[in-house]
């Protein structure tokens, strides 16, 4: 079965973000995974 290459953006999540990325990587090694960390400064 051919896996589609997907792009995933993970927004925030202190512990859940990396956990989700690891699971996605196991399920689909070809996926492009990006993290978006929230700013500490207020806008």
PDB file of N, CA and C in Angstrom:
ATOM      1  N   UNK A   1       0.838  -1.172   0.000  1.00  0.00           N
ATOM      2  CA  UNK A   1       0.000   0.000   0.000  1.00  0.00           C
ATOM      3  C   UNK A   1       0.888   1.243   0.000  1.00  0.00           C
ATOM      4  N   UNK A   2       0.639   2.143  -0.913  1.00  0.00           N
ATOM      5  CA  UNK A   2       1.438   3.362  -1.024  1.00  0.00           C
ATOM      6  C   UNK A   2       0.916   4.411  -0.061  1.00  0.00           C
ATOM      7  N   UNK A   3       1.833   5.006   0.713  1.00  0.00           N
ATOM      8  CA  UNK A   3       1.454   6.063   1.646  1.00  0.00           C
ATOM      9  C   UNK A   3       1.625   7.411   0.966  1.00  0.00           C
ATOM     10  N   UNK A   4       0.661   8.281   1.170  1.00  0.00           N
ATOM     11  CA  UNK A   4       0.738   9.633   0.620  1.00  0.00           C
ATOM     12  C   UNK A   4       1.651  10.489   1.484  1.00  0.00           C
ATOM     13  N   UNK A   5       2.399  11.366   0.822  1.00  0.00           N
ATOM     14  CA  UNK A   5       3.239  12.302   1.562  1.00  0.00           C
ATOM     15  C   UNK A   5       2.346  13.431   2.047  1.00  0.00           C
ATOM     16  N   UNK A   6       2.330  13.647   3.348  1.00  0.00           N
ATOM     17  CA  UNK A   6       1.483  14.682   3.921  1.00  0.00           C
ATOM     18  C   UNK A   6       2.337  15.706   4.646  1.00  0.00           C
ATOM     19  N   UNK A   7       1.767  16.898   4.824  1.00  0.00           N
ATOM     20  CA  UNK A   7       2.399  17.959   5.596  1.00  0.00           C
ATOM     21  C   UNK A   7       1.531  18.214   6.810  1.00  0.00           C
ATOM     22  N   UNK A   8       2.164  18.259   7.987  1.00  0.00           N
ATOM     23  CA  UNK A   8       1.434  18.449   9.235  1.00  0.00           C
ATOM     24  C   UNK A   8       2.081  19.600  10.001  1.00  0.00           C
ATOM     25  N   UNK A   9       1.240  20.511  10.523  1.00  0.00           N
ATOM     26  CA  UNK A   9       1.718  21.588  11.386  1.00  0.00           C
ATOM     27  C   UNK A   9       1.154  21.328  12.770  1.00  0.00           C
ATOM     28  N   UNK A  10       2.034  21.228  13.762  1.00  0.00           N
ATOM     29  CA  UNK A  10       1.626  21.021  15.147  1.00  0.00           C
ATOM     30  C   UNK A  10       1.764  22.356  15.857  1.00  0.00           C
ATOM     31  N   UNK A  11       0.652  22.840  16.401  1.00  0.00           N
ATOM     32  CA  UNK A  11       0.628  24.149  17.045  1.00  0.00           C
ATOM     33  C   UNK A  11       0.603  23.962  18.552  1.00  0.00           C
ATOM     34  N   UNK A  12       1.624  24.503  19.228  1.00  0.00           N
ATOM     35  CA  UNK A  12       1.677  24.449  20.683  1.00  0.00           C
ATOM     36  C   UNK A  12       1.815  23.036  21.217  1.00  0.00           C
ATOM     37  N   UNK A  13       1.385  22.872  22.448  1.00  0.00           N
ATOM     38  CA  UNK A  13       1.446  21.550  23.059  1.00  0.00           C
ATOM     39  C   UNK A  13       2.812  21.271  23.638  1.00  0.00           C
ATOM     40  N   UNK A  14       2.952  21.396  24.947  1.00  0.00           N
ATOM     41  CA  UNK A  14       4.248  21.204  25.594  1.00  0.00           C
ATOM     42  C   UNK A  14       4.689  19.754  25.477  1.00  0.00           C
ATOM     43  N   UNK A  15       3.874  18.829  25.930  1.00  0.00           N
ATOM     44  CA  UNK A  15       4.236  17.417  25.871  1.00  0.00           C
ATOM     45  C   UNK A  15       3.504  16.694  24.744  1.00  0.00           C
ATOM     46  N   UNK A  16       2.328  17.186  24.412  1.00  0.00           N
ATOM     47  CA  UNK A  16       1.503  16.499  23.417  1.00  0.00           C
ATOM     48  C   UNK A  16       2.048  16.691  22.003  1.00  0.00           C
ATOM     49  N   UNK A  17       2.633  17.856  21.716  1.00  0.00           N
ATOM     50  CA  UNK A  17       3.168  18.117  20.380  1.00  0.00           C
ATOM     51  C   UNK A  17       4.223  17.110  19.950  1.00  0.00           C
ATOM     52  N   UNK A  18       5.307  16.939  20.721  1.00  0.00           N
ATOM     53  CA  UNK A  18       6.323  15.950  20.350  1.00  0.00           C
ATOM     54  C   UNK A  18       5.787  14.519  20.335  1.00  0.00           C
ATOM     55  N   UNK A  19       4.869  14.218  21.232  1.00  0.00           N
ATOM     56  CA  UNK A  19       4.273  12.874  21.259  1.00  0.00           C
ATOM     57  C   UNK A  19       3.489  12.621  19.975  1.00  0.00           C
ATOM     58  N   UNK A  20       2.729  13.629  19.558  1.00  0.00           N
ATOM     59  CA  UNK A  20       1.966  13.512  18.324  1.00  0.00           C
ATOM     60  C   UNK A  20       2.895  13.378  17.118  1.00  0.00           C
ATOM     61  N   UNK A  21       3.965  14.158  17.101  1.00  0.00           N
ATOM     62  CA  UNK A  21       4.928  14.086  16.002  1.00  0.00           C
ATOM     63  C   UNK A  21       5.576  12.704  15.929  1.00  0.00           C
ATOM     64  N   UNK A  22       5.913  12.142  17.068  1.00  0.00           N
ATOM     65  CA  UNK A  22       6.529  10.812  17.086  1.00  0.00           C
ATOM     66  C   UNK A  22       5.568   9.756  16.544  1.00  0.00           C
ATOM     67  N   UNK A  23       4.312   9.865  16.946  1.00  0.00           N
ATOM     68  CA  UNK A  23       3.305   8.903  16.453  1.00  0.00           C
ATOM     69  C   UNK A  23       3.100   9.054  14.949  1.00  0.00           C
ATOM     70  N   UNK A  24       3.015  10.295  14.483  1.00  0.00           N
ATOM     71  CA  UNK A  24       2.875  10.525  13.042  1.00  0.00           C
ATOM     72  C   UNK A  24       4.068   9.963  12.275  1.00  0.00           C
ATOM     73  N   UNK A  25       5.265  10.148  12.834  1.00  0.00           N
ATOM     74  CA  UNK A  25       6.472   9.649  12.174  1.00  0.00           C
ATOM     75  C   UNK A  25       6.454   8.124  12.068  1.00  0.00           C
ATOM     76  N   UNK A  26       5.965   7.457  13.119  1.00  0.00           N
ATOM     77  CA  UNK A  26       5.867   5.991  13.079  1.00  0.00           C
ATOM     78  C   UNK A  26       4.832   5.539  12.051  1.00  0.00           C
ATOM     79  N   UNK A  27       3.702   6.254  11.995  1.00  0.00           N
ATOM     80  CA  UNK A  27       2.638   5.873  11.075  1.00  0.00           C
ATOM     81  C   UNK A  27       2.973   6.203   9.621  1.00  0.00           C
ATOM     82  N   UNK A  28       3.676   7.309   9.411  1.00  0.00           N
ATOM     83  CA  UNK A  28       4.002   7.738   8.054  1.00  0.00           C
ATOM     84  C   UNK A  28       5.377   8.397   8.036  1.00  0.00           C
ATOM     85  N   UNK A  29       6.436   7.627   7.821  1.00  0.00           N
ATOM     86  CA  UNK A  29       7.801   8.165   7.844  1.00  0.00           C
ATOM     87  C   UNK A  29       8.058   9.239   6.785  1.00  0.00           C
ATOM     88  N   UNK A  30       7.237   9.293   5.758  1.00  0.00           N
ATOM     89  CA  UNK A  30       7.423  10.271   4.680  1.00  0.00           C
ATOM     90  C   UNK A  30       6.787  11.623   4.988  1.00  0.00           C
ATOM     91  N   UNK A  31       6.041  11.720   6.072  1.00  0.00           N
ATOM     92  CA  UNK A  31       5.332  12.964   6.400  1.00  0.00           C
ATOM     93  C   UNK A  31       6.308  14.086   6.735  1.00  0.00           C
ATOM     94  N   UNK A  32       5.944  15.309   6.325  1.00  0.00           N
ATOM     95  CA  UNK A  32       6.704  16.497   6.711  1.00  0.00           C
ATOM     96  C   UNK A  32       6.008  17.081   7.937  1.00  0.00           C
ATOM     97  N   UNK A  33       6.742  17.192   9.051  1.00  0.00           N
ATOM     98  CA  UNK A  33       6.151  17.645  10.308  1.00  0.00           C
ATOM     99  C   UNK A  33       6.822  18.951  10.724  1.00  0.00           C
ATOM    100  N   UNK A  34       5.993  19.960  11.003  1.00  0.00           N
ATOM    101  CA  UNK A  34       6.477  21.276  11.407  1.00  0.00           C
ATOM    102  C   UNK A  34       5.885  21.622  12.756  1.00  0.00           C
ATOM    103  N   UNK A  35       6.666  22.309  13.584  1.00  0.00           N
ATOM    104  CA  UNK A  35       6.198  22.790  14.880  1.00  0.00           C
ATOM    105  C   UNK A  35       6.033  24.302  14.830  1.00  0.00           C
ATOM    106  N   UNK A  36       4.995  24.803  15.467  1.00  0.00           N
ATOM    107  CA  UNK A  36       4.772  26.236  15.612  1.00  0.00           C
ATOM    108  C   UNK A  36       4.683  26.518  17.102  1.00  0.00           C
ATOM    109  N   UNK A  37       5.779  27.027  17.667  1.00  0.00           N
ATOM    110  CA  UNK A  37       5.813  27.313  19.099  1.00  0.00           C
ATOM    111  C   UNK A  37       5.186  28.676  19.356  1.00  0.00           C
ATOM    112  N   UNK A  38       4.363  28.785  20.378  1.00  0.00           N
ATOM    113  CA  UNK A  38       3.771  30.090  20.692  1.00  0.00           C
ATOM    114  C   UNK A  38       4.825  31.049  21.239  1.00  0.00           C
ATOM    115  N   UNK A  39       4.611  32.335  21.012  1.00  0.00           N
ATOM    116  CA  UNK A  39       5.534  33.354  21.521  1.00  0.00           C
ATOM    117  C   UNK A  39       5.362  33.519  23.025  1.00  0.00           C
ATOM    118  N   UNK A  40       6.448  33.838  23.698  1.00  0.00           N
ATOM    119  CA  UNK A  40       6.367  34.122  25.123  1.00  0.00           C
ATOM    120  C   UNK A  40       5.969  35.569  25.360  1.00  0.00           C
ATOM    121  N   UNK A  41       6.283  36.433  24.406  1.00  0.00           N
ATOM    122  CA  UNK A  41       5.961  37.845  24.538  1.00  0.00           C
ATOM    123  C   UNK A  41       4.516  38.092  24.103  1.00  0.00           C
ATOM    124  N   UNK A  42       3.898  39.041  24.703  1.00  0.00           N
ATOM    125  CA  UNK A  42       2.520  39.379  24.345  1.00  0.00           C
ATOM    126  C   UNK A  42       2.536  40.356  23.171  1.00  0.00           C
ATOM    127  N   UNK A  43       1.596  40.167  22.279  1.00  0.00           N
ATOM    128  CA  UNK A  43       1.511  41.035  21.091  1.00  0.00           C
ATOM    129  C   UNK A  43       0.373  41.994  21.256  1.00  0.00           C
TER     130      UNK A  43
END
